């Protein structure tokens, strides 16, 4: 409440300060002259220093890439970076070969050039996947020149905000750049959007992926100019109400235009047209409507960042989509936000009081307006998401965003001075930063008043489904590769049967959607596996279904959601302590100790060896116990070697030989165990022990 009151007060101040008759806060009406000013002799910086030398000192062209060497000076302890460290390996984050070219569309014609580069091995041909400036390993990178942006932070801020919503966005690091001895100014070293487990985490494809299910993914599609370098794959009718013949152009980014097959092209194009048709028809059915085609949360979050920032290019330019194998169509990642947060180099389109998905300009395909204007459920969830994200302390709250702006401003302030000396590109930096914060106040209040009601979707009745077992890193068993033996168990922790229609795993990494009409009975469990044939062969059990791709052997966030993306259950496991480490390739799987425990906590899980408990053949009593344990067994005890007890970290804490005499069916064990929960294992059998 206090934050909202402060915003109202700031709103009144901003309105009184407005210089124009319309109710937008204008940025300083001063011409920005990009000029070749005095050269800068860079001595040191608080930011990493990227030093590039092309072979023979050749000028960097648009394409093809030219070869060169890149060295990055970076004191990882946070101390200053000095050009004199250029030959000191202790402070070189990267020292190797690259291929480099200029990039961008209008920005490429500015004196300060943006660059695209590939890290290469010494043979100048092989891509070199490396971690640069702490970013995950890859070989494709961008040096963003911050075109048109006097704040120097719009792209970075938008990407960070998108990531804070839980979506992948390119990670960025500010730096200063020197090319062939010439100081080029303040840049952002960032990831390029591409298929990678740490970027757009979708399945890779080749020319043989033409039949089901391989043809279903993965894909990256870009909406952009029809006159660019990449060929147009197809077009869709746009939102421009001044021009009924306005079209939006779609391009293949993965697979690339030169390698995509006709079957792949036809498939991904059909996904977009099917989605557009169902959105236009207002078909909200979770069986055959647009929620069955798209990942609603990614579309909500994509539009949230687009609208919060009032990005003038979004929807019709630099707009990405992606789709995993057997997965839903997803919006994003976000890209190219230099004309946003109230600033527009080419007009007055980034206003605080418009919807960018339908503002009369060159907007995207009509399904955006169909979602927001014609789908009451989508509009309700958009309002609900806005209320969540703009609440005090949340990522899109005024003080959270402006606090981050202040942090970035302090970080780059020193480099802005040098960049201005070189280019006179950001002479009014401080004024633009202040104006952007004023604009955010107005935008926040406008969205509050125009986003609509979320009452209809405020309370959602979610089924009591619990992720109860996870086998993420099985051992190889004979001729069966361990990845084929992965499984996830889901338990209905309620007495009534649950309709599973539309329930799916929301996060990329694995893909599975329950088919229409499927269900699970009260207090029953079902198993999803990575390979049905291997599962039946090895476990002698029939799985409910088979998911696509494999679980991570390190860490993965499993989010079980309904068709609208509402989270039913969520578990992010790890392969290290305090999570039970024996589940990391040690033959055990993770099992939830009790369905009523918080399964997001490591202490709620135990590592269990074997596929299931066999209490019909193996019985422990008393359980709970204060010490002595009686183990009653069936005839399958013959030939077993050892009885072992493990703690919740998967450590063996007790063992004894299986010394059953002829006709003997019971053993008494005397383990010295402290109070806690343990697992007794022998052969393929596992039983839980509670010690008091």
Foldseek 3Di string as FASTA:
>chain_A
DVLLVVLVVLLVVQQVVAPDPDRFRAFDPDDQFFDQFDFDDDFKALFKEKEKEFVVNDDAAQDDWGKTWIWIFADPVSDMTGPVCRPPVVGTQDTAMKTKHFDDDVQCPGPQTKMKMFGAHPVNPHGDFDQGPNRHTDGIKIWAPLPPFLQSPQFVLLQVLLVLLVDFGKHWGWYWYHYNNTTRFITIIIDDADDDCRGNPADAAALVQQDPQSLQDKFKKFWADCPDDFHFLDWAQAQQPVDRPAIITMATPPVHPVTDDPSSSVVVVVLVVLQLVLLLVLPPDLARHNLVAAQLVQVLSVQVSCLLFLQQPPQRHGWMWIAHRVGHIGTDDHDDRSCTLQHDPPDRRRGLQDRNCHDNDNHHHCSVCSQCPVHPLSLLVSLVVLVVQCPPPHSLPLCNSLVVSVVVCVNCVVRSVNNCSRTVRNVPNVSVNVSSSSSSSSNSVSCVVPSDHNVVPPDDDAFQKEFFWWLAAAAADVPRHRQQQTKIKIWRAAQAKDFQRQKWWNDPAKTDGDHGPDIAHHRGMFMEGQHQVVNCVPQVDGGPYYIHHGHDLAWDKTFIAGSNRHTNAIEIDGCDPPAQNCSNHVQWIWGQPDSPDRRNDRQRIATWHADDADCVAWPWPDAQDAFKIKIFGHPVLPPWFKKFKAARNRDTQDMDTSDADVVRGMDMDGGDDDADKMWIDIDRHIDIGGHD
